[in-house]
Amino acid sequence: MDIPSIKNDEQYEALRDKGYSKQKAARIANTPDSGKKGGKAKPYEKRTKANLYEQAKEIGIKGRSKMTKSELIYALRNN
């Protein structure tokens, strides 16, 4: 699979050096404001299943439509 254009090359390389896969490093480096701390997001457990599903869809988690809320949380934390 080809890697899309990287928006933050420095962050991408740092993630690759830490052992992240090319796809995961690219996904993180291409996320707007990915290098900034915010801490304002609700914990996964306080979000709706629909919200978790949309987040899983954005990052390309396969099988998400058949997952329970707990499974979505697990998949998001371990992707």
Protein backbone atom coordinates (compact mmCIF):
# COMPACT_ATOMS: atom_id res chain seq x y z
CA MET A 1 0.00 0.00 0.00
CA ASP A 2 1.30 3.43 -0.89
CA ILE A 3 1.82 5.97 1.85
CA PRO A 4 -0.13 9.18 1.32
CA SER A 5 1.62 12.52 1.29
CA ILE A 6 2.94 13.21 4.81
CA LYS A 7 1.93 16.58 6.29
CA ASN A 8 4.37 16.49 9.21
CA ASP A 9 7.58 14.77 8.06
CA GLU A 10 9.43 15.36 11.34
CA GLN A 11 6.71 13.75 13.40
CA TYR A 12 6.39 10.89 10.90
CA GLU A 13 10.11 10.10 11.14
CA ALA A 14 10.04 10.29 14.95
CA LEU A 15 7.15 7.82 15.06
CA ARG A 16 8.90 5.46 12.63
CA ASP A 17 12.02 5.62 14.85
CA LYS A 18 9.83 4.56 17.78
CA GLY A 19 8.72 1.49 15.81
CA TYR A 20 5.33 2.60 14.51
CA SER A 21 4.22 1.07 11.21
CA LYS A 22 4.35 3.29 8.12
CA GLN A 23 0.54 3.43 7.99
CA LYS A 24 0.07 4.32 11.65
CA ALA A 25 2.87 6.91 11.61
CA ALA A 26 1.37 8.50 8.48
CA ARG A 27 -2.12 8.53 9.98
CA ILE A 28 -0.88 10.28 13.13
CA ALA A 29 1.41 12.71 11.27
CA ASN A 30 -1.46 13.68 8.95
CA THR A 31 -3.92 14.39 11.77
CA PRO A 32 -4.40 18.12 12.32
CA ASP A 33 -2.90 19.28 15.62
CA SER A 34 -1.67 15.75 16.37
CA GLY A 35 1.44 17.01 18.12
CA LYS A 36 -0.41 19.31 20.49
CA LYS A 37 -1.69 18.33 23.88
CA GLY A 38 -5.28 19.10 24.59
CA GLY A 39 -6.65 16.73 27.17
CA LYS A 40 -10.16 17.99 26.56
CA ALA A 41 -11.58 14.91 24.87
CA LYS A 42 -14.00 12.80 26.86
CA PRO A 43 -12.79 9.33 27.86
CA TYR A 44 -13.98 6.65 25.43
CA GLU A 45 -16.35 5.25 28.06
CA LYS A 46 -18.27 8.55 28.22
CA ARG A 47 -18.70 8.80 24.43
CA THR A 48 -21.59 7.37 22.47
CA LYS A 49 -21.23 4.23 20.41
CA ALA A 50 -22.00 6.31 17.31
CA ASN A 51 -19.15 8.70 18.13
CA LEU A 52 -16.73 5.79 18.68
CA TYR A 53 -17.89 4.23 15.40
CA GLU A 54 -17.18 7.47 13.51
CA GLN A 55 -13.72 7.72 15.04
CA ALA A 56 -13.03 4.08 14.14
CA LYS A 57 -14.23 4.81 10.59
CA GLU A 58 -11.87 7.79 10.30
CA ILE A 59 -8.83 5.71 11.15
CA GLY A 60 -9.91 2.69 9.13
CA ILE A 61 -10.67 0.02 11.74
CA LYS A 62 -12.09 -2.99 9.91
CA GLY A 63 -15.16 -4.81 11.22
CA ARG A 64 -16.33 -1.78 13.20
CA SER A 65 -19.97 -2.11 12.13
CA LYS A 66 -20.31 -5.40 14.01
CA MET A 67 -18.48 -4.24 17.16
CA THR A 68 -20.03 -3.48 20.51
CA LYS A 69 -19.14 -0.25 22.31
CA SER A 70 -16.58 -2.14 24.42
CA GLU A 71 -15.03 -3.69 21.31
CA LEU A 72 -14.82 -0.28 19.63
CA ILE A 73 -13.05 1.14 22.69
CA TYR A 74 -10.59 -1.76 22.68
CA ALA A 75 -9.95 -1.39 18.94
CA LEU A 76 -9.40 2.38 19.23
CA ARG A 77 -6.99 1.99 22.11
CA ASN A 78 -5.00 -0.75 20.40
CA ASN A 79 -4.86 0.54 16.86
